[in-house]
PDB file of all heavy atoms in Angstrom:
ATOM      1  N   ALA A   1       6.308   8.025   7.835  1.00  0.00           N
ATOM      2  CA  ALA A   1       6.993   7.408   6.701  1.00  0.00           C
ATOM      3  C   ALA A   1       6.660   5.925   6.747  1.00  0.00           C
ATOM      4  O   ALA A   1       6.457   5.332   5.638  1.00  0.00           O
ATOM      5  CB  ALA A   1       8.465   7.622   6.887  1.00  0.00           C
ATOM      6  N   GLY A   2       6.596   5.259   7.900  1.00  0.00           N
ATOM      7  CA  GLY A   2       6.198   3.940   7.983  1.00  0.00           C
ATOM      8  C   GLY A   2       4.812   3.601   7.527  1.00  0.00           C
ATOM      9  O   GLY A   2       4.516   2.683   6.836  1.00  0.00           O
ATOM     10  N   LEU A   3       3.880   4.583   7.915  1.00  0.00           N
ATOM     11  CA  LEU A   3       2.489   4.390   7.466  1.00  0.00           C
ATOM     12  C   LEU A   3       2.351   4.509   5.941  1.00  0.00           C
ATOM     13  O   LEU A   3       1.617   3.854   5.283  1.00  0.00           O
ATOM     14  CB  LEU A   3       1.552   5.408   8.174  1.00  0.00           C
ATOM     15  CG  LEU A   3       1.417   5.104   9.639  1.00  0.00           C
ATOM     16  CD1 LEU A   3       0.554   6.308  10.292  1.00  0.00           C
ATOM     17  CD2 LEU A   3       0.668   3.837   9.897  1.00  0.00           C
ATOM     18  N   LEU A   4       3.199   5.430   5.347  1.00  0.00           N
ATOM     19  CA  LEU A   4       3.087   5.623   3.857  1.00  0.00           C
ATOM     20  C   LEU A   4       3.667   4.370   3.200  1.00  0.00           C
ATOM     21  O   LEU A   4       3.166   3.918   2.157  1.00  0.00           O
ATOM     22  CB  LEU A   4       3.886   6.845   3.498  1.00  0.00           C
ATOM     23  CG  LEU A   4       3.290   8.202   3.896  1.00  0.00           C
ATOM     24  CD1 LEU A   4       4.130   9.360   3.484  1.00  0.00           C
ATOM     25  CD2 LEU A   4       1.829   8.342   3.445  1.00  0.00           C
ATOM     26  N   ARG A   5       4.733   3.767   3.742  1.00  0.00           N
ATOM     27  CA  ARG A   5       5.277   2.560   3.173  1.00  0.00           C
ATOM     28  C   ARG A   5       4.188   1.459   3.269  1.00  0.00           C
ATOM     29  O   ARG A   5       4.072   0.726   2.300  1.00  0.00           O
ATOM     30  CB  ARG A   5       6.506   2.115   3.976  1.00  0.00           C
ATOM     31  CG  ARG A   5       7.720   3.017   3.573  1.00  0.00           C
ATOM     32  CD  ARG A   5       9.020   2.618   4.410  1.00  0.00           C
ATOM     33  NE  ARG A   5       9.206   1.103   4.409  1.00  0.00           N
ATOM     34  CZ  ARG A   5       9.750   0.509   5.487  1.00  0.00           C
ATOM     35  NH1 ARG A   5      10.122   1.236   6.542  1.00  0.00           N
ATOM     36  NH2 ARG A   5       9.913  -0.733   5.462  1.00  0.00           N
ATOM     37  N   LYS A   6       3.538   1.347   4.382  1.00  0.00           N
ATOM     38  CA  LYS A   6       2.502   0.319   4.487  1.00  0.00           C
ATOM     39  C   LYS A   6       1.334   0.553   3.476  1.00  0.00           C
ATOM     40  O   LYS A   6       0.813  -0.396   2.923  1.00  0.00           O
ATOM     41  CB  LYS A   6       1.950   0.312   5.859  1.00  0.00           C
ATOM     42  CG  LYS A   6       0.978  -0.849   6.138  1.00  0.00           C
ATOM     43  CD  LYS A   6       0.551  -1.032   7.581  1.00  0.00           C
ATOM     44  CE  LYS A   6      -0.387   0.097   7.984  1.00  0.00           C
ATOM     45  NZ  LYS A   6      -1.123  -0.157   9.138  1.00  0.00           N
ATOM     46  N   ALA A   7       0.960   1.766   3.247  1.00  0.00           N
ATOM     47  CA  ALA A   7      -0.115   2.098   2.344  1.00  0.00           C
ATOM     48  C   ALA A   7       0.297   1.733   0.914  1.00  0.00           C
ATOM     49  O   ALA A   7      -0.463   1.142   0.148  1.00  0.00           O
ATOM     50  CB  ALA A   7      -0.439   3.552   2.362  1.00  0.00           C
ATOM     51  N   THR A   8       1.577   1.923   0.570  1.00  0.00           N
ATOM     52  CA  THR A   8       2.024   1.666  -0.764  1.00  0.00           C
ATOM     53  C   THR A   8       2.262   0.149  -0.983  1.00  0.00           C
ATOM     54  O   THR A   8       1.938  -0.379  -2.127  1.00  0.00           O
ATOM     55  CB  THR A   8       3.391   2.387  -1.039  1.00  0.00           C
ATOM     56  OG1 THR A   8       3.128   3.821  -0.840  1.00  0.00           O
ATOM     57  CG2 THR A   8       3.864   2.195  -2.392  1.00  0.00           C
ATOM     58  N   ASN A   9       2.848  -0.563  -0.098  1.00  0.00           N
ATOM     59  CA  ASN A   9       3.023  -2.002  -0.173  1.00  0.00           C
ATOM     60  C   ASN A   9       2.915  -2.619   1.156  1.00  0.00           C
ATOM     61  O   ASN A   9       3.863  -2.659   1.971  1.00  0.00           O
ATOM     62  CB  ASN A   9       4.370  -2.332  -0.788  1.00  0.00           C
ATOM     63  CG  ASN A   9       4.604  -3.817  -0.893  1.00  0.00           C
ATOM     64  OD1 ASN A   9       3.648  -4.589  -0.785  1.00  0.00           O
ATOM     65  ND2 ASN A   9       5.884  -4.256  -1.086  1.00  0.00           N
ATOM     66  N   ALA A  10       1.696  -3.091   1.472  1.00  0.00           N
ATOM     67  CA  ALA A  10       1.495  -3.679   2.749  1.00  0.00           C
ATOM     68  C   ALA A  10       1.927  -5.041   3.025  1.00  0.00           C
ATOM     69  O   ALA A  10       1.885  -5.527   4.205  1.00  0.00           O
ATOM     70  CB  ALA A  10      -0.071  -3.562   3.106  1.00  0.00           C
ATOM     71  N   VAL A  11       2.440  -5.725   2.025  1.00  0.00           N
ATOM     72  CA  VAL A  11       2.884  -7.140   2.118  1.00  0.00           C
ATOM     73  C   VAL A  11       3.824  -7.305   3.329  1.00  0.00           C
ATOM     74  O   VAL A  11       3.660  -8.233   4.154  1.00  0.00           O
ATOM     75  CB  VAL A  11       3.400  -7.716   0.816  1.00  0.00           C
ATOM     76  CG1 VAL A  11       3.943  -9.090   1.002  1.00  0.00           C
ATOM     77  CG2 VAL A  11       2.240  -7.762  -0.217  1.00  0.00           C
ATOM     78  N   PRO A  12       4.931  -6.464   3.497  1.00  0.00           N
ATOM     79  CA  PRO A  12       5.828  -6.741   4.548  1.00  0.00           C
ATOM     80  C   PRO A  12       5.232  -6.479   5.927  1.00  0.00           C
ATOM     81  O   PRO A  12       5.723  -6.834   6.985  1.00  0.00           O
ATOM     82  CB  PRO A  12       6.955  -5.715   4.378  1.00  0.00           C
ATOM     83  CG  PRO A  12       6.878  -5.340   2.866  1.00  0.00           C
ATOM     84  CD  PRO A  12       5.405  -5.445   2.487  1.00  0.00           C
ATOM     85  N   PHE A  13       3.992  -5.802   5.966  1.00  0.00           N
ATOM     86  CA  PHE A  13       3.419  -5.249   7.224  1.00  0.00           C
ATOM     87  C   PHE A  13       2.261  -6.153   7.690  1.00  0.00           C
ATOM     88  O   PHE A  13       1.953  -6.220   8.865  1.00  0.00           O
ATOM     89  CB  PHE A  13       2.887  -3.840   7.041  1.00  0.00           C
ATOM     90  CG  PHE A  13       3.990  -2.829   6.744  1.00  0.00           C
ATOM     91  CD1 PHE A  13       4.411  -2.618   5.401  1.00  0.00           C
ATOM     92  CD2 PHE A  13       4.539  -2.129   7.757  1.00  0.00           C
ATOM     93  CE1 PHE A  13       5.411  -1.681   5.146  1.00  0.00           C
ATOM     94  CE2 PHE A  13       5.495  -1.179   7.425  1.00  0.00           C
ATOM     95  CZ  PHE A  13       5.938  -1.003   6.146  1.00  0.00           C
ATOM     96  N   VAL A  14       1.613  -6.803   6.769  1.00  0.00           N
ATOM     97  CA  VAL A  14       0.312  -7.526   7.010  1.00  0.00           C
ATOM     98  C   VAL A  14       0.536  -8.947   6.679  1.00  0.00           C
ATOM     99  O   VAL A  14       0.683  -9.356   5.453  1.00  0.00           O
ATOM    100  CB  VAL A  14      -0.893  -6.934   6.189  1.00  0.00           C
ATOM    101  CG1 VAL A  14      -2.156  -7.675   6.524  1.00  0.00           C
ATOM    102  CG2 VAL A  14      -1.021  -5.464   6.449  1.00  0.00           C
ATOM    103  N   ALA A  15       0.578  -9.768   7.705  1.00  0.00           N
ATOM    104  CA  ALA A  15       0.934 -11.282   7.560  1.00  0.00           C
ATOM    105  C   ALA A  15       0.008 -11.993   6.510  1.00  0.00           C
ATOM    106  O   ALA A  15       0.521 -12.771   5.818  1.00  0.00           O
ATOM    107  CB  ALA A  15       0.885 -11.990   8.902  1.00  0.00           C
ATOM    108  N   GLY A  16      -1.229 -11.664   6.492  1.00  0.00           N
ATOM    109  CA  GLY A  16      -2.155 -12.337   5.586  1.00  0.00           C
ATOM    110  C   GLY A  16      -2.209 -11.844   4.114  1.00  0.00           C
ATOM    111  O   GLY A  16      -3.068 -12.350   3.431  1.00  0.00           O
ATOM    112  N   MET A  17      -1.356 -10.932   3.800  1.00  0.00           N
ATOM    113  CA  MET A  17      -1.433 -10.244   2.499  1.00  0.00           C
ATOM    114  C   MET A  17      -0.341 -10.877   1.581  1.00  0.00           C
ATOM    115  O   MET A  17       0.780 -10.923   1.990  1.00  0.00           O
ATOM    116  CB  MET A  17      -1.242  -8.728   2.624  1.00  0.00           C
ATOM    117  CG  MET A  17      -1.706  -8.096   1.426  1.00  0.00           C
ATOM    118  SD  MET A  17      -1.674  -6.261   1.616  1.00  0.00           S
ATOM    119  CE  MET A  17      -3.047  -6.036   2.686  1.00  0.00           C
ATOM    120  N   ALA A  18      -0.767 -11.251   0.345  1.00  0.00           N
ATOM    121  CA  ALA A  18       0.236 -11.886  -0.504  1.00  0.00           C
ATOM    122  C   ALA A  18       0.715 -10.860  -1.621  1.00  0.00           C
ATOM    123  O   ALA A  18       1.754 -11.029  -2.143  1.00  0.00           O
ATOM    124  CB  ALA A  18      -0.441 -13.070  -1.204  1.00  0.00           C
ATOM    125  N   GLU A  19      -0.221  -9.930  -1.951  1.00  0.00           N
ATOM    126  CA  GLU A  19       0.150  -8.989  -2.985  1.00  0.00           C
ATOM    127  C   GLU A  19      -0.473  -7.619  -2.752  1.00  0.00           C
ATOM    128  O   GLU A  19      -1.596  -7.588  -2.205  1.00  0.00           O
ATOM    129  CB  GLU A  19      -0.386  -9.584  -4.384  1.00  0.00           C
ATOM    130  CG  GLU A  19       0.010  -8.817  -5.528  1.00  0.00           C
ATOM    131  CD  GLU A  19      -0.510  -9.504  -6.800  1.00  0.00           C
ATOM    132  OE1 GLU A  19      -0.514 -10.772  -6.817  1.00  0.00           O
ATOM    133  OE2 GLU A  19      -0.854  -8.850  -7.749  1.00  0.00           O
ATOM    134  N   CYS A  20       0.126  -6.571  -3.135  1.00  0.00           N
ATOM    135  CA  CYS A  20      -0.443  -5.206  -2.993  1.00  0.00           C
ATOM    136  C   CYS A  20       0.196  -4.321  -4.082  1.00  0.00           C
ATOM    137  O   CYS A  20       1.431  -4.063  -4.151  1.00  0.00           O
ATOM    138  CB  CYS A  20      -0.006  -4.612  -1.544  1.00  0.00           C
ATOM    139  SG  CYS A  20      -0.596  -2.983  -1.245  1.00  0.00           S
ATOM    140  N   VAL A  21      -0.616  -3.835  -4.952  1.00  0.00           N
ATOM    141  CA  VAL A  21      -0.264  -3.096  -6.160  1.00  0.00           C
ATOM    142  C   VAL A  21      -1.055  -1.804  -6.170  1.00  0.00           C
ATOM    143  O   VAL A  21      -2.245  -1.765  -6.208  1.00  0.00           O
ATOM    144  CB  VAL A  21      -0.451  -3.931  -7.430  1.00  0.00           C
ATOM    145  CG1 VAL A  21      -0.084  -3.107  -8.635  1.00  0.00           C
ATOM    146  CG2 VAL A  21       0.292  -5.202  -7.424  1.00  0.00           C
ATOM    147  N   VAL A  22      -0.265  -0.717  -6.166  1.00  0.00           N
ATOM    148  CA  VAL A  22      -0.907   0.654  -6.381  1.00  0.00           C
ATOM    149  C   VAL A  22      -1.363   0.805  -7.802  1.00  0.00           C
ATOM    150  O   VAL A  22      -0.488   0.616  -8.762  1.00  0.00           O
ATOM    151  CB  VAL A  22       0.083   1.736  -5.946  1.00  0.00           C
ATOM    152  CG1 VAL A  22      -0.486   3.162  -6.235  1.00  0.00           C
ATOM    153  CG2 VAL A  22       0.404   1.617  -4.447  1.00  0.00           C
ATOM    154  N   VAL A  23      -2.603   1.143  -8.049  1.00  0.00           N
ATOM    155  CA  VAL A  23      -3.141   1.296  -9.423  1.00  0.00           C
ATOM    156  C   VAL A  23      -3.375   2.773  -9.757  1.00  0.00           C
ATOM    157  O   VAL A  23      -3.606   3.038 -10.827  1.00  0.00           O
ATOM    158  CB  VAL A  23      -4.397   0.502  -9.647  1.00  0.00           C
ATOM    159  CG1 VAL A  23      -4.079  -1.069  -9.543  1.00  0.00           C
ATOM    160  CG2 VAL A  23      -5.487   0.807  -8.679  1.00  0.00           C
ATOM    161  N   GLU A  24      -3.410   3.637  -8.719  1.00  0.00           N
ATOM    162  CA  GLU A  24      -3.654   5.033  -8.901  1.00  0.00           C
ATOM    163  C   GLU A  24      -3.112   5.846  -7.716  1.00  0.00           C
ATOM    164  O   GLU A  24      -3.184   5.374  -6.563  1.00  0.00           O
ATOM    165  CB  GLU A  24      -5.220   5.255  -9.030  1.00  0.00           C
ATOM    166  CG  GLU A  24      -5.600   6.645  -9.295  1.00  0.00           C
ATOM    167  CD  GLU A  24      -7.154   6.659  -9.329  1.00  0.00           C
ATOM    168  OE1 GLU A  24      -7.840   5.776  -9.908  1.00  0.00           O
ATOM    169  OE2 GLU A  24      -7.752   7.697  -8.754  1.00  0.00           O
ATOM    170  N   ARG A  25      -2.559   6.985  -8.010  1.00  0.00           N
ATOM    171  CA  ARG A  25      -2.041   7.861  -6.922  1.00  0.00           C
ATOM    172  C   ARG A  25      -2.567   9.216  -7.100  1.00  0.00           C
ATOM    173  O   ARG A  25      -2.818   9.666  -8.249  1.00  0.00           O
ATOM    174  CB  ARG A  25      -0.491   7.936  -6.972  1.00  0.00           C
ATOM    175  CG  ARG A  25       0.261   6.721  -6.700  1.00  0.00           C
ATOM    176  CD  ARG A  25       1.765   6.989  -6.661  1.00  0.00           C
ATOM    177  NE  ARG A  25       2.545   5.807  -6.521  1.00  0.00           N
ATOM    178  CZ  ARG A  25       2.833   5.308  -5.354  1.00  0.00           C
ATOM    179  NH1 ARG A  25       2.588   5.978  -4.265  1.00  0.00           N
ATOM    180  NH2 ARG A  25       3.512   4.190  -5.233  1.00  0.00           N
ATOM    181  N   SER A  26      -2.782   9.922  -5.974  1.00  0.00           N
ATOM    182  CA  SER A  26      -3.154  11.338  -5.940  1.00  0.00           C
ATOM    183  C   SER A  26      -2.353  11.992  -4.848  1.00  0.00           C
ATOM    184  O   SER A  26      -1.662  11.346  -4.158  1.00  0.00           O
ATOM    185  CB  SER A  26      -4.597  11.497  -5.733  1.00  0.00           C
ATOM    186  OG  SER A  26      -5.011  11.068  -4.439  1.00  0.00           O
ATOM    187  N   GLU A  27      -2.499  13.257  -4.703  1.00  0.00           N
ATOM    188  CA  GLU A  27      -1.829  14.009  -3.688  1.00  0.00           C
ATOM    189  C   GLU A  27      -2.118  13.528  -2.274  1.00  0.00           C
ATOM    190  O   GLU A  27      -1.309  13.593  -1.449  1.00  0.00           O
ATOM    191  CB  GLU A  27      -2.081  15.539  -3.863  1.00  0.00           C
ATOM    192  CG  GLU A  27      -1.294  16.414  -2.886  1.00  0.00           C
ATOM    193  CD  GLU A  27      -1.587  17.887  -3.077  1.00  0.00           C
ATOM    194  OE1 GLU A  27      -1.999  18.302  -4.231  1.00  0.00           O
ATOM    195  OE2 GLU A  27      -1.527  18.589  -2.101  1.00  0.00           O
ATOM    196  N   ASN A  28      -3.432  13.152  -2.040  1.00  0.00           N
ATOM    197  CA  ASN A  28      -3.888  12.889  -0.767  1.00  0.00           C
ATOM    198  C   ASN A  28      -4.241  11.411  -0.644  1.00  0.00           C
ATOM    199  O   ASN A  28      -5.078  11.022   0.288  1.00  0.00           O
ATOM    200  CB  ASN A  28      -5.045  13.709  -0.440  1.00  0.00           C
ATOM    201  CG  ASN A  28      -4.623  15.221  -0.301  1.00  0.00           C
ATOM    202  OD1 ASN A  28      -3.600  15.509   0.307  1.00  0.00           O
ATOM    203  ND2 ASN A  28      -5.437  16.061  -0.926  1.00  0.00           N
ATOM    204  N   GLY A  29      -3.662  10.486  -1.453  1.00  0.00           N
ATOM    205  CA  GLY A  29      -3.999   9.065  -1.345  1.00  0.00           C
ATOM    206  C   GLY A  29      -3.650   8.311  -2.464  1.00  0.00           C
ATOM    207  O   GLY A  29      -2.855   8.728  -3.436  1.00  0.00           O
ATOM    208  N   LEU A  30      -4.213   7.121  -2.563  1.00  0.00           N
ATOM    209  CA  LEU A  30      -3.972   6.141  -3.631  1.00  0.00           C
ATOM    210  C   LEU A  30      -5.129   5.101  -3.637  1.00  0.00           C
ATOM    211  O   LEU A  30      -5.894   5.066  -2.716  1.00  0.00           O
ATOM    212  CB  LEU A  30      -2.577   5.499  -3.446  1.00  0.00           C
ATOM    213  CG  LEU A  30      -2.261   4.764  -2.212  1.00  0.00           C
ATOM    214  CD1 LEU A  30      -2.700   3.291  -2.155  1.00  0.00           C
ATOM    215  CD2 LEU A  30      -0.791   4.779  -1.817  1.00  0.00           C
ATOM    216  N   VAL A  31      -5.089   4.312  -4.698  1.00  0.00           N
ATOM    217  CA  VAL A  31      -5.943   3.133  -4.804  1.00  0.00           C
ATOM    218  C   VAL A  31      -5.107   1.974  -5.086  1.00  0.00           C
ATOM    219  O   VAL A  31      -4.086   2.025  -5.843  1.00  0.00           O
ATOM    220  CB  VAL A  31      -6.988   3.341  -5.982  1.00  0.00           C
ATOM    221  CG1 VAL A  31      -7.800   2.091  -6.117  1.00  0.00           C
ATOM    222  CG2 VAL A  31      -7.866   4.571  -5.770  1.00  0.00           C
ATOM    223  N   ARG A  32      -5.368   0.944  -4.351  1.00  0.00           N
ATOM    224  CA  ARG A  32      -4.485  -0.249  -4.556  1.00  0.00           C
ATOM    225  C   ARG A  32      -5.329  -1.586  -4.614  1.00  0.00           C
ATOM    226  O   ARG A  32      -6.462  -1.602  -4.098  1.00  0.00           O
ATOM    227  CB  ARG A  32      -3.560  -0.393  -3.310  1.00  0.00           C
ATOM    228  CG  ARG A  32      -4.203  -0.629  -2.031  1.00  0.00           C
ATOM    229  CD  ARG A  32      -3.276  -0.574  -0.855  1.00  0.00           C
ATOM    230  NE  ARG A  32      -3.896  -1.173   0.373  1.00  0.00           N
ATOM    231  CZ  ARG A  32      -3.260  -1.286   1.567  1.00  0.00           C
ATOM    232  NH1 ARG A  32      -2.002  -0.846   1.631  1.00  0.00           N
ATOM    233  NH2 ARG A  32      -3.814  -1.792   2.583  1.00  0.00           N
ATOM    234  N   ASP A  33      -4.841  -2.440  -5.286  1.00  0.00           N
ATOM    235  CA  ASP A  33      -5.425  -3.796  -5.370  1.00  0.00           C
ATOM    236  C   ASP A  33      -4.578  -4.721  -4.497  1.00  0.00           C
ATOM    237  O   ASP A  33      -3.363  -4.844  -4.532  1.00  0.00           O
ATOM    238  CB  ASP A  33      -5.352  -4.372  -6.861  1.00  0.00           C
ATOM    239  CG  ASP A  33      -6.398  -3.649  -7.743  1.00  0.00           C
ATOM    240  OD1 ASP A  33      -7.313  -3.074  -7.241  1.00  0.00           O
ATOM    241  OD2 ASP A  33      -6.166  -3.735  -9.018  1.00  0.00           O
TER     242      ASP A  33
END
């Protein structure tokens, strides 16, 4: 569950990240900017 949260919005998890937006979802993954 934590890994999925990080994949969806990594900002709280990755200190050097300012923004994380999911642009596409599928059953087995996603694409994010």
